[in-house]
Amino acid sequence: MDFQLTQEQRDLRAGVRDLLAGRYGREALRASTDDPSGRVVDRRLWRELGDAGLFALRLPESEGGVGLGMPETVLAFEEAGRVLLPGPLVATHLAAGVVPGAAQGTAVVTARDLDGGLVTYLGEADAVLAADGVPAGTPVRSVDPLTPLHRVSASASADPYPCSYRSEGALLTAALQVGSALRTVELAVRYAGEREQFGQPIGAFQAVKHLCAGMLVRAEVARTAVYAAAVTGDPGEVAAAKLLADEAAVRGARDCLQVHGGMGFTWEADVHLHLKRAWLRAEQWRTAGEAEEALAAELLLSSTE
């Protein structure tokens, strides 16, 4: 069995990367953090993503979709994670074919995918997945400047999602985490090659080499797990993929910050944005505790068969 990407899959990934490079590069990322309006979802870009088929990748062609599968979708979401594209990407994708305008990117759809009654992007959403209308919420401070949070009432915060939504949402979020993890590897390696101490690049020092190597190993292992779970759809493999991707993104951003030294703590560096987004995504759709429980249940089931 050949597990290499097909040419069509490579072309899809390259196309998404080119689109995002042209529309959401570093300048756009930094502009989003400095927008005085506090709005972070670019509606024009959202529609362009819809036109490109990002939200309708798994929707059948008979329903106006692209007709691809989860393996292709995680490739596209990995690219979105690399550039820290803000917005409820996962929820809008899951809403394609359910919420009018979601597939086309004319509607921004969020979801109740966090514990504690917290909802991301509620103030900019046109709909909430599996909910009647958009509930009222109180703004709360978010660790990530590009992921605004609202707290909704207890009745509105009850989990409305079946296991399929939870599993697919967790896998797509894991793909976003993998993209971020891979990007922090690039940032660390580039900085290690440019920054000099004692007359040589800091990348020549063994401690820095070990940090970068560890980041790469975690990111690649997580990417392999995400790709495998996208093919099999096995709940246990999805849970494992989310665990590995969360660790790769969070620890990778921390190690990248360590490589940058004092510069990594400054607002001008992008490292802190990756770390803050990774922290938040680690709590979305399936937390570490929930993923561990799901993985344990699958392992127990397989041992008794």
C-alpha atoms as a PDB file:
ATOM      1  CA  MET A   1       0.000   0.000   0.000  1.00  0.00           C
ATOM      2  CA  ASP A   2       1.376   3.421  -1.002  1.00  0.00           C
ATOM      3  CA  PHE A   3       1.044   6.070   1.704  1.00  0.00           C
ATOM      4  CA  GLN A   4       2.670   8.842  -0.325  1.00  0.00           C
ATOM      5  CA  LEU A   5       0.563  11.851  -1.282  1.00  0.00           C
ATOM      6  CA  THR A   6      -0.885  11.739  -4.767  1.00  0.00           C
ATOM      7  CA  GLN A   7      -0.063  14.467  -7.268  1.00  0.00           C
ATOM      8  CA  GLU A   8      -3.584  15.826  -6.893  1.00  0.00           C
ATOM      9  CA  GLN A   9      -3.140  16.069  -3.130  1.00  0.00           C
ATOM     10  CA  ARG A  10       0.190  17.855  -3.542  1.00  0.00           C
ATOM     11  CA  ASP A  11      -1.416  20.275  -5.980  1.00  0.00           C
ATOM     12  CA  LEU A  12      -4.240  20.964  -3.530  1.00  0.00           C
ATOM     13  CA  ARG A  13      -1.804  21.698  -0.718  1.00  0.00           C
ATOM     14  CA  ALA A  14       0.305  23.927  -2.952  1.00  0.00           C
ATOM     15  CA  GLY A  15      -2.768  25.797  -4.142  1.00  0.00           C
ATOM     16  CA  VAL A  16      -3.948  26.522  -0.621  1.00  0.00           C
ATOM     17  CA  ARG A  17      -0.442  27.589   0.403  1.00  0.00           C
ATOM     18  CA  ASP A  18      -0.199  29.976  -2.553  1.00  0.00           C
ATOM     19  CA  LEU A  19      -3.626  31.459  -1.839  1.00  0.00           C
ATOM     20  CA  LEU A  20      -2.804  32.081   1.808  1.00  0.00           C
ATOM     21  CA  ALA A  21       0.681  33.399   1.028  1.00  0.00           C
ATOM     22  CA  GLY A  22      -0.862  36.001  -1.252  1.00  0.00           C
ATOM     23  CA  ARG A  23      -3.759  36.950   1.013  1.00  0.00           C
ATOM     24  CA  TYR A  24      -2.606  36.296   4.562  1.00  0.00           C
ATOM     25  CA  GLY A  25       1.125  36.723   4.835  1.00  0.00           C
ATOM     26  CA  ARG A  26       2.990  38.068   7.841  1.00  0.00           C
ATOM     27  CA  GLU A  27       1.955  41.672   7.200  1.00  0.00           C
ATOM     28  CA  ALA A  28      -1.712  40.698   7.210  1.00  0.00           C
ATOM     29  CA  LEU A  29      -1.189  38.636  10.369  1.00  0.00           C
ATOM     30  CA  ARG A  30       0.357  41.563  12.209  1.00  0.00           C
ATOM     31  CA  ALA A  31      -2.295  43.939  10.884  1.00  0.00           C
ATOM     32  CA  SER A  32      -4.960  41.656  12.328  1.00  0.00           C
ATOM     33  CA  THR A  33      -3.419  41.912  15.791  1.00  0.00           C
ATOM     34  CA  ASP A  34      -3.365  45.707  15.574  1.00  0.00           C
ATOM     35  CA  ASP A  35      -6.874  46.257  14.159  1.00  0.00           C
ATOM     36  CA  PRO A  36      -8.523  48.827  16.487  1.00  0.00           C
ATOM     37  CA  SER A  37     -11.986  47.486  15.659  1.00  0.00           C
ATOM     38  CA  GLY A  38     -11.147  44.181  17.316  1.00  0.00           C
ATOM     39  CA  ARG A  39     -12.555  42.266  14.358  1.00  0.00           C
ATOM     40  CA  VAL A  40     -10.264  39.525  13.104  1.00  0.00           C
ATOM     41  CA  VAL A  41     -12.304  37.671  10.466  1.00  0.00           C
ATOM     42  CA  ASP A  42     -11.637  39.055   6.998  1.00  0.00           C
ATOM     43  CA  ARG A  43     -14.987  38.550   5.264  1.00  0.00           C
ATOM     44  CA  ARG A  44     -13.508  39.045   1.824  1.00  0.00           C
ATOM     45  CA  LEU A  45     -10.858  36.395   2.456  1.00  0.00           C
ATOM     46  CA  TRP A  46     -13.514  34.137   3.973  1.00  0.00           C
ATOM     47  CA  ARG A  47     -15.470  34.316   0.706  1.00  0.00           C
ATOM     48  CA  GLU A  48     -12.287  33.635  -1.272  1.00  0.00           C
ATOM     49  CA  LEU A  49     -11.708  30.534   0.834  1.00  0.00           C
ATOM     50  CA  GLY A  50     -15.276  29.519   0.070  1.00  0.00           C
ATOM     51  CA  ASP A  51     -14.731  30.089  -3.651  1.00  0.00           C
ATOM     52  CA  ALA A  52     -11.574  27.968  -3.434  1.00  0.00           C
ATOM     53  CA  GLY A  53     -13.659  25.165  -1.914  1.00  0.00           C
ATOM     54  CA  LEU A  54     -12.051  25.032   1.531  1.00  0.00           C
ATOM     55  CA  PHE A  55     -15.342  24.766   3.384  1.00  0.00           C
ATOM     56  CA  ALA A  56     -16.941  22.450   0.829  1.00  0.00           C
ATOM     57  CA  LEU A  57     -14.059  20.045   0.283  1.00  0.00           C
ATOM     58  CA  ARG A  58     -16.006  17.070   1.676  1.00  0.00           C
ATOM     59  CA  LEU A  59     -19.412  18.149   0.399  1.00  0.00           C
ATOM     60  CA  PRO A  60     -20.606  15.922  -2.481  1.00  0.00           C
ATOM     61  CA  GLU A  61     -20.414  17.406  -5.956  1.00  0.00           C
ATOM     62  CA  SER A  62     -24.153  16.835  -6.315  1.00  0.00           C
ATOM     63  CA  GLU A  63     -24.605  19.348  -3.480  1.00  0.00           C
ATOM     64  CA  GLY A  64     -22.218  21.914  -4.920  1.00  0.00           C
ATOM     65  CA  GLY A  65     -19.128  20.668  -3.110  1.00  0.00           C
ATOM     66  CA  VAL A  66     -15.712  19.463  -4.196  1.00  0.00           C
ATOM     67  CA  GLY A  67     -16.350  15.806  -3.394  1.00  0.00           C
ATOM     68  CA  LEU A  68     -13.021  15.040  -1.725  1.00  0.00           C
ATOM     69  CA  GLY A  69     -12.356  13.386   1.617  1.00  0.00           C
ATOM     70  CA  MET A  70     -10.831  13.984   5.010  1.00  0.00           C
ATOM     71  CA  PRO A  71      -7.237  13.268   3.843  1.00  0.00           C
ATOM     72  CA  GLU A  72      -7.401  16.200   1.431  1.00  0.00           C
ATOM     73  CA  THR A  73      -9.113  18.379   4.004  1.00  0.00           C
ATOM     74  CA  VAL A  74      -6.409  17.953   6.639  1.00  0.00           C
ATOM     75  CA  LEU A  75      -3.813  18.989   4.055  1.00  0.00           C
ATOM     76  CA  ALA A  76      -5.667  22.245   3.469  1.00  0.00           C
ATOM     77  CA  PHE A  77      -6.180  22.885   7.179  1.00  0.00           C
ATOM     78  CA  GLU A  78      -2.510  22.226   7.850  1.00  0.00           C
ATOM     79  CA  GLU A  79      -1.708  25.142   5.555  1.00  0.00           C
ATOM     80  CA  ALA A  80      -4.184  27.376   7.365  1.00  0.00           C
ATOM     81  CA  GLY A  81      -2.482  26.460  10.629  1.00  0.00           C
ATOM     82  CA  ARG A  82       0.928  27.434   9.278  1.00  0.00           C
ATOM     83  CA  VAL A  83      -0.131  31.049   8.765  1.00  0.00           C
ATOM     84  CA  LEU A  84      -2.298  31.262  11.917  1.00  0.00           C
ATOM     85  CA  LEU A  85      -5.336  32.148   9.832  1.00  0.00           C
ATOM     86  CA  PRO A  86      -7.952  33.390  12.314  1.00  0.00           C
ATOM     87  CA  GLY A  87     -11.627  32.523  12.290  1.00  0.00           C
ATOM     88  CA  PRO A  88     -13.826  29.501  13.050  1.00  0.00           C
ATOM     89  CA  LEU A  89     -12.475  27.444  10.155  1.00  0.00           C
ATOM     90  CA  VAL A  90     -13.388  24.070  11.618  1.00  0.00           C
ATOM     91  CA  ALA A  91     -16.950  25.009  12.543  1.00  0.00           C
ATOM     92  CA  THR A  92     -17.642  26.635   9.170  1.00  0.00           C
ATOM     93  CA  HIS A  93     -16.303  23.566   7.384  1.00  0.00           C
ATOM     94  CA  LEU A  94     -18.465  21.250   9.496  1.00  0.00           C
ATOM     95  CA  ALA A  95     -21.467  23.484   8.777  1.00  0.00           C
ATOM     96  CA  ALA A  96     -21.154  23.162   4.979  1.00  0.00           C
ATOM     97  CA  GLY A  97     -24.399  21.744   3.665  1.00  0.00           C
ATOM     98  CA  VAL A  98     -26.113  22.445   6.992  1.00  0.00           C
ATOM     99  CA  VAL A  99     -25.943  26.212   7.431  1.00  0.00           C
ATOM    100  CA  PRO A 100     -26.785  28.289   4.327  1.00  0.00           C
ATOM    101  CA  GLY A 101     -23.753  30.153   3.053  1.00  0.00           C
ATOM    102  CA  ALA A 102     -21.193  28.163   5.047  1.00  0.00           C
ATOM    103  CA  ALA A 103     -19.924  26.178   2.060  1.00  0.00           C
ATOM    104  CA  GLN A 104     -19.568  29.344  -0.030  1.00  0.00           C
ATOM    105  CA  GLY A 105     -17.868  31.344   2.723  1.00  0.00           C
ATOM    106  CA  THR A 106     -20.626  33.944   2.778  1.00  0.00           C
ATOM    107  CA  ALA A 107     -21.500  32.900   6.325  1.00  0.00           C
ATOM    108  CA  VAL A 108     -19.156  32.664   9.306  1.00  0.00           C
ATOM    109  CA  VAL A 109     -20.190  29.783  11.533  1.00  0.00           C
ATOM    110  CA  THR A 110     -18.770  29.157  14.983  1.00  0.00           C
ATOM    111  CA  ALA A 111     -19.361  26.314  17.432  1.00  0.00           C
ATOM    112  CA  ARG A 112     -19.561  25.565  21.127  1.00  0.00           C
ATOM    113  CA  ASP A 113     -16.326  23.617  21.129  1.00  0.00           C
ATOM    114  CA  LEU A 114     -14.837  24.868  24.403  1.00  0.00           C
ATOM    115  CA  ASP A 115     -15.719  23.967  27.973  1.00  0.00           C
ATOM    116  CA  GLY A 116     -17.086  26.506  30.411  1.00  0.00           C
ATOM    117  CA  GLY A 117     -19.594  28.099  28.071  1.00  0.00           C
ATOM    118  CA  LEU A 118     -16.890  29.811  26.005  1.00  0.00           C
ATOM    119  CA  VAL A 119     -17.522  30.415  22.305  1.00  0.00           C
ATOM    120  CA  THR A 120     -14.922  31.707  19.852  1.00  0.00           C
ATOM    121  CA  TYR A 121     -15.691  34.480  17.346  1.00  0.00           C
ATOM    122  CA  LEU A 122     -19.273  34.789  18.592  1.00  0.00           C
ATOM    123  CA  GLY A 123     -19.335  38.518  17.916  1.00  0.00           C
ATOM    124  CA  GLU A 124     -18.454  37.989  14.242  1.00  0.00           C
ATOM    125  CA  ALA A 125     -20.482  34.834  13.578  1.00  0.00           C
ATOM    126  CA  ASP A 126     -23.643  34.595  11.506  1.00  0.00           C
ATOM    127  CA  ALA A 127     -24.601  31.279  13.078  1.00  0.00           C
ATOM    128  CA  VAL A 128     -23.584  28.746  15.699  1.00  0.00           C
ATOM    129  CA  LEU A 129     -23.351  25.142  14.534  1.00  0.00           C
ATOM    130  CA  ALA A 130     -26.377  23.067  15.652  1.00  0.00           C
ATOM    131  CA  ALA A 131     -28.013  26.037  17.363  1.00  0.00           C
ATOM    132  CA  ASP A 132     -31.054  28.187  16.650  1.00  0.00           C
ATOM    133  CA  GLY A 133     -29.608  31.616  16.086  1.00  0.00           C
ATOM    134  CA  VAL A 134     -26.616  33.220  17.750  1.00  0.00           C
ATOM    135  CA  PRO A 135     -26.902  33.290  21.564  1.00  0.00           C
ATOM    136  CA  ALA A 136     -26.040  36.379  23.537  1.00  0.00           C
ATOM    137  CA  GLY A 137     -22.648  36.290  25.161  1.00  0.00           C
ATOM    138  CA  THR A 138     -20.391  38.324  27.373  1.00  0.00           C
ATOM    139  CA  PRO A 139     -16.912  39.147  26.023  1.00  0.00           C
ATOM    140  CA  VAL A 140     -14.074  37.676  28.065  1.00  0.00           C
ATOM    141  CA  ARG A 141     -10.357  38.164  27.687  1.00  0.00           C
ATOM    142  CA  SER A 142      -8.663  35.620  25.448  1.00  0.00           C
ATOM    143  CA  VAL A 143      -5.069  34.458  25.691  1.00  0.00           C
ATOM    144  CA  ASP A 144      -4.920  34.688  21.880  1.00  0.00           C
ATOM    145  CA  PRO A 145      -5.447  38.208  20.473  1.00  0.00           C
ATOM    146  CA  LEU A 146      -6.795  36.690  17.251  1.00  0.00           C
ATOM    147  CA  THR A 147      -9.341  34.397  18.893  1.00  0.00           C
ATOM    148  CA  PRO A 148     -11.966  36.531  20.669  1.00  0.00           C
ATOM    149  CA  LEU A 149     -14.058  34.726  23.280  1.00  0.00           C
ATOM    150  CA  HIS A 150     -17.581  35.157  24.630  1.00  0.00           C
ATOM    151  CA  ARG A 151     -19.176  33.370  27.531  1.00  0.00           C
ATOM    152  CA  VAL A 152     -22.733  32.205  26.913  1.00  0.00           C
ATOM    153  CA  SER A 153     -25.389  31.203  29.409  1.00  0.00           C
ATOM    154  CA  ALA A 154     -25.327  27.774  31.028  1.00  0.00           C
ATOM    155  CA  SER A 155     -28.316  26.548  29.016  1.00  0.00           C
ATOM    156  CA  ALA A 156     -26.712  27.627  25.758  1.00  0.00           C
ATOM    157  CA  SER A 157     -23.387  26.017  26.629  1.00  0.00           C
ATOM    158  CA  ALA A 158     -24.673  22.437  26.794  1.00  0.00           C
ATOM    159  CA  ASP A 159     -22.898  20.132  24.353  1.00  0.00           C
ATOM    160  CA  PRO A 160     -25.163  19.801  21.285  1.00  0.00           C
ATOM    161  CA  TYR A 161     -22.815  17.738  19.138  1.00  0.00           C
ATOM    162  CA  PRO A 162     -22.807  14.051  18.224  1.00  0.00           C
ATOM    163  CA  CYS A 163     -19.593  12.055  18.366  1.00  0.00           C
ATOM    164  CA  SER A 164     -19.023  12.495  14.630  1.00  0.00           C
ATOM    165  CA  TYR A 165     -18.815  16.277  14.964  1.00  0.00           C
ATOM    166  CA  ARG A 166     -16.522  15.979  17.960  1.00  0.00           C
ATOM    167  CA  SER A 167     -14.211  13.538  16.198  1.00  0.00           C
ATOM    168  CA  GLU A 168     -14.046  15.445  12.922  1.00  0.00           C
ATOM    169  CA  GLY A 169     -13.617  18.747  14.733  1.00  0.00           C
ATOM    170  CA  ALA A 170     -10.777  17.305  16.807  1.00  0.00           C
ATOM    171  CA  LEU A 171      -8.996  15.950  13.727  1.00  0.00           C
ATOM    172  CA  LEU A 172      -9.268  19.205  11.787  1.00  0.00           C
ATOM    173  CA  THR A 173      -8.046  21.135  14.813  1.00  0.00           C
ATOM    174  CA  ALA A 174      -5.142  18.703  15.052  1.00  0.00           C
ATOM    175  CA  ALA A 175      -4.296  19.500  11.427  1.00  0.00           C
ATOM    176  CA  LEU A 176      -4.214  23.216  12.288  1.00  0.00           C
ATOM    177  CA  GLN A 177      -1.907  22.423  15.203  1.00  0.00           C
ATOM    178  CA  VAL A 178       0.416  20.444  12.946  1.00  0.00           C
ATOM    179  CA  GLY A 179       0.683  23.375  10.553  1.00  0.00           C
ATOM    180  CA  SER A 180       1.603  25.675  13.415  1.00  0.00           C
ATOM    181  CA  ALA A 181       4.128  23.168  14.780  1.00  0.00           C
ATOM    182  CA  LEU A 182       5.851  22.866  11.412  1.00  0.00           C
ATOM    183  CA  ARG A 183       5.968  26.641  11.046  1.00  0.00           C
ATOM    184  CA  THR A 184       7.632  27.089  14.433  1.00  0.00           C
ATOM    185  CA  VAL A 185      10.288  24.603  13.361  1.00  0.00           C
ATOM    186  CA  GLU A 186      11.007  26.822  10.354  1.00  0.00           C
ATOM    187  CA  LEU A 187      11.101  29.965  12.492  1.00  0.00           C
ATOM    188  CA  ALA A 188      13.488  28.383  14.996  1.00  0.00           C
ATOM    189  CA  VAL A 189      15.854  26.991  12.365  1.00  0.00           C
ATOM    190  CA  ARG A 190      15.948  30.273  10.459  1.00  0.00           C
ATOM    191  CA  TYR A 191      16.682  32.300  13.572  1.00  0.00           C
ATOM    192  CA  ALA A 192      19.315  29.815  14.728  1.00  0.00           C
ATOM    193  CA  GLY A 193      21.090  30.262  11.417  1.00  0.00           C
ATOM    194  CA  GLU A 194      20.959  34.065  11.528  1.00  0.00           C
ATOM    195  CA  ARG A 195      21.635  34.919  15.176  1.00  0.00           C
ATOM    196  CA  GLU A 196      25.296  34.840  16.145  1.00  0.00           C
ATOM    197  CA  GLN A 197      26.991  34.441  19.501  1.00  0.00           C
ATOM    198  CA  PHE A 198      30.730  34.107  20.117  1.00  0.00           C
ATOM    199  CA  GLY A 199      31.392  34.582  16.427  1.00  0.00           C
ATOM    200  CA  GLN A 200      29.166  31.805  15.084  1.00  0.00           C
ATOM    201  CA  PRO A 201      25.465  31.108  14.500  1.00  0.00           C
ATOM    202  CA  ILE A 202      23.707  29.839  17.606  1.00  0.00           C
ATOM    203  CA  GLY A 203      22.541  26.876  15.535  1.00  0.00           C
ATOM    204  CA  ALA A 204      26.063  25.523  15.801  1.00  0.00           C
ATOM    205  CA  PHE A 205      25.609  24.916  19.521  1.00  0.00           C
ATOM    206  CA  GLN A 206      24.473  21.457  20.544  1.00  0.00           C
ATOM    207  CA  ALA A 207      21.738  22.658  22.913  1.00  0.00           C
ATOM    208  CA  VAL A 208      20.052  24.620  20.119  1.00  0.00           C
ATOM    209  CA  LYS A 209      20.428  21.713  17.707  1.00  0.00           C
ATOM    210  CA  HIS A 210      18.681  19.429  20.189  1.00  0.00           C
ATOM    211  CA  LEU A 211      15.796  21.874  20.616  1.00  0.00           C
ATOM    212  CA  CYS A 212      15.252  22.153  16.865  1.00  0.00           C
ATOM    213  CA  ALA A 213      15.583  18.399  16.326  1.00  0.00           C
ATOM    214  CA  GLY A 214      13.044  17.679  19.056  1.00  0.00           C
ATOM    215  CA  MET A 215      10.618  20.158  17.527  1.00  0.00           C
ATOM    216  CA  LEU A 216      10.937  18.519  14.111  1.00  0.00           C
ATOM    217  CA  VAL A 217      10.459  14.991  15.457  1.00  0.00           C
ATOM    218  CA  ARG A 218       7.297  15.923  17.384  1.00  0.00           C
ATOM    219  CA  ALA A 219       5.850  17.813  14.417  1.00  0.00           C
ATOM    220  CA  GLU A 220       6.494  15.007  11.928  1.00  0.00           C
ATOM    221  CA  VAL A 221       5.168  12.303  14.255  1.00  0.00           C
ATOM    222  CA  ALA A 222       2.026  14.365  14.812  1.00  0.00           C
ATOM    223  CA  ARG A 223       1.626  14.965  11.085  1.00  0.00           C
ATOM    224  CA  THR A 224       1.895  11.233  10.403  1.00  0.00           C
ATOM    225  CA  ALA A 225      -0.733  10.516  13.064  1.00  0.00           C
ATOM    226  CA  VAL A 226      -3.100  13.122  11.640  1.00  0.00           C
ATOM    227  CA  TYR A 227      -2.717  11.791   8.099  1.00  0.00           C
ATOM    228  CA  ALA A 228      -3.316   8.222   9.284  1.00  0.00           C
ATOM    229  CA  ALA A 229      -6.409   9.181  11.278  1.00  0.00           C
ATOM    230  CA  ALA A 230      -7.749  11.073   8.257  1.00  0.00           C
ATOM    231  CA  VAL A 231      -7.509   7.871   6.203  1.00  0.00           C
ATOM    232  CA  THR A 232      -8.926   5.445   8.762  1.00  0.00           C
ATOM    233  CA  GLY A 233     -11.371   7.661  10.667  1.00  0.00           C
ATOM    234  CA  ASP A 234     -10.744   5.429  13.672  1.00  0.00           C
ATOM    235  CA  PRO A 235     -11.826   7.206  16.907  1.00  0.00           C
ATOM    236  CA  GLY A 236      -8.779   5.985  18.788  1.00  0.00           C
ATOM    237  CA  GLU A 237      -6.422   7.203  16.079  1.00  0.00           C
ATOM    238  CA  VAL A 238      -8.192  10.568  15.986  1.00  0.00           C
ATOM    239  CA  ALA A 239      -7.764  10.899  19.753  1.00  0.00           C
ATOM    240  CA  ALA A 240      -4.074  10.001  19.482  1.00  0.00           C
ATOM    241  CA  ALA A 241      -3.608  12.470  16.635  1.00  0.00           C
ATOM    242  CA  LYS A 242      -5.135  15.285  18.680  1.00  0.00           C
ATOM    243  CA  LEU A 243      -2.902  14.478  21.654  1.00  0.00           C
ATOM    244  CA  LEU A 244       0.254  14.382  19.538  1.00  0.00           C
ATOM    245  CA  ALA A 245      -0.631  17.500  17.551  1.00  0.00           C
ATOM    246  CA  ASP A 246      -1.433  19.532  20.661  1.00  0.00           C
ATOM    247  CA  GLU A 247       1.883  18.531  22.210  1.00  0.00           C
ATOM    248  CA  ALA A 248       3.799  19.294  19.013  1.00  0.00           C
ATOM    249  CA  ALA A 249       2.234  22.742  18.682  1.00  0.00           C
ATOM    250  CA  VAL A 250       2.526  23.803  22.322  1.00  0.00           C
ATOM    251  CA  ARG A 251       5.975  22.377  23.029  1.00  0.00           C
ATOM    252  CA  GLY A 252       7.201  23.419  19.599  1.00  0.00           C
ATOM    253  CA  ALA A 253       6.202  27.035  20.186  1.00  0.00           C
ATOM    254  CA  ARG A 254       7.811  26.979  23.623  1.00  0.00           C
ATOM    255  CA  ASP A 255      11.057  25.590  22.235  1.00  0.00           C
ATOM    256  CA  CYS A 256      10.965  28.066  19.364  1.00  0.00           C
ATOM    257  CA  LEU A 257      10.646  30.845  21.910  1.00  0.00           C
ATOM    258  CA  GLN A 258      13.617  29.380  23.765  1.00  0.00           C
ATOM    259  CA  VAL A 259      15.713  29.431  20.588  1.00  0.00           C
ATOM    260  CA  HIS A 260      14.804  33.095  20.068  1.00  0.00           C
ATOM    261  CA  GLY A 261      15.836  33.933  23.632  1.00  0.00           C
ATOM    262  CA  GLY A 262      14.783  37.384  24.829  1.00  0.00           C
ATOM    263  CA  MET A 263      13.582  38.314  21.344  1.00  0.00           C
ATOM    264  CA  GLY A 264      10.963  35.570  21.534  1.00  0.00           C
ATOM    265  CA  PHE A 265       9.187  37.326  24.384  1.00  0.00           C
ATOM    266  CA  THR A 266       8.670  40.544  22.441  1.00  0.00           C
ATOM    267  CA  TRP A 267       5.434  41.535  20.735  1.00  0.00           C
ATOM    268  CA  GLU A 268       7.272  41.986  17.435  1.00  0.00           C
ATOM    269  CA  ALA A 269       8.126  38.290  17.209  1.00  0.00           C
ATOM    270  CA  ASP A 270       5.477  35.889  15.878  1.00  0.00           C
ATOM    271  CA  VAL A 271       6.445  33.081  18.235  1.00  0.00           C
ATOM    272  CA  HIS A 272       4.083  34.125  21.011  1.00  0.00           C
ATOM    273  CA  LEU A 273       1.136  34.123  18.593  1.00  0.00           C
ATOM    274  CA  HIS A 274       1.781  30.481  17.734  1.00  0.00           C
ATOM    275  CA  LEU A 275       2.052  29.568  21.413  1.00  0.00           C
ATOM    276  CA  LYS A 276      -1.158  31.363  22.371  1.00  0.00           C
ATOM    277  CA  ARG A 277      -3.107  29.842  19.484  1.00  0.00           C
ATOM    278  CA  ALA A 278      -1.736  26.387  20.321  1.00  0.00           C
ATOM    279  CA  TRP A 279      -2.841  26.758  23.945  1.00  0.00           C
ATOM    280  CA  LEU A 280      -6.359  27.628  22.882  1.00  0.00           C
ATOM    281  CA  ARG A 281      -6.677  24.950  20.196  1.00  0.00           C
ATOM    282  CA  ALA A 282      -5.552  22.342  22.709  1.00  0.00           C
ATOM    283  CA  GLU A 283      -8.841  22.995  24.513  1.00  0.00           C
ATOM    284  CA  GLN A 284     -11.059  22.891  21.415  1.00  0.00           C
ATOM    285  CA  TRP A 285     -13.286  19.978  20.388  1.00  0.00           C
ATOM    286  CA  ARG A 286     -11.371  17.468  22.502  1.00  0.00           C
ATOM    287  CA  THR A 287      -9.131  18.290  25.456  1.00  0.00           C
ATOM    288  CA  ALA A 288      -6.140  16.178  26.433  1.00  0.00           C
ATOM    289  CA  GLY A 289      -8.160  14.492  29.168  1.00  0.00           C
ATOM    290  CA  GLU A 290     -11.018  13.703  26.795  1.00  0.00           C
ATOM    291  CA  ALA A 291      -8.623  12.415  24.132  1.00  0.00           C
ATOM    292  CA  GLU A 292      -6.894  10.188  26.663  1.00  0.00           C
ATOM    293  CA  GLU A 293     -10.234   8.759  27.789  1.00  0.00           C
ATOM    294  CA  ALA A 294     -11.300   8.131  24.188  1.00  0.00           C
ATOM    295  CA  LEU A 295      -7.988   6.490  23.333  1.00  0.00           C
ATOM    296  CA  ALA A 296      -8.114   4.319  26.460  1.00  0.00           C
ATOM    297  CA  ALA A 297     -11.651   3.211  25.627  1.00  0.00           C
ATOM    298  CA  GLU A 298     -10.600   2.224  22.102  1.00  0.00           C
ATOM    299  CA  LEU A 299      -7.575   0.316  23.365  1.00  0.00           C
ATOM    300  CA  LEU A 300      -9.686  -1.491  25.922  1.00  0.00           C
ATOM    301  CA  LEU A 301     -12.245  -2.406  23.288  1.00  0.00           C
ATOM    302  CA  SER A 302      -9.596  -3.749  20.904  1.00  0.00           C
ATOM    303  CA  SER A 303      -8.011  -5.827  23.674  1.00  0.00           C
ATOM    304  CA  THR A 304     -11.289  -7.624  24.377  1.00  0.00           C
ATOM    305  CA  GLU A 305     -12.115  -8.441  20.781  1.00  0.00           C
END
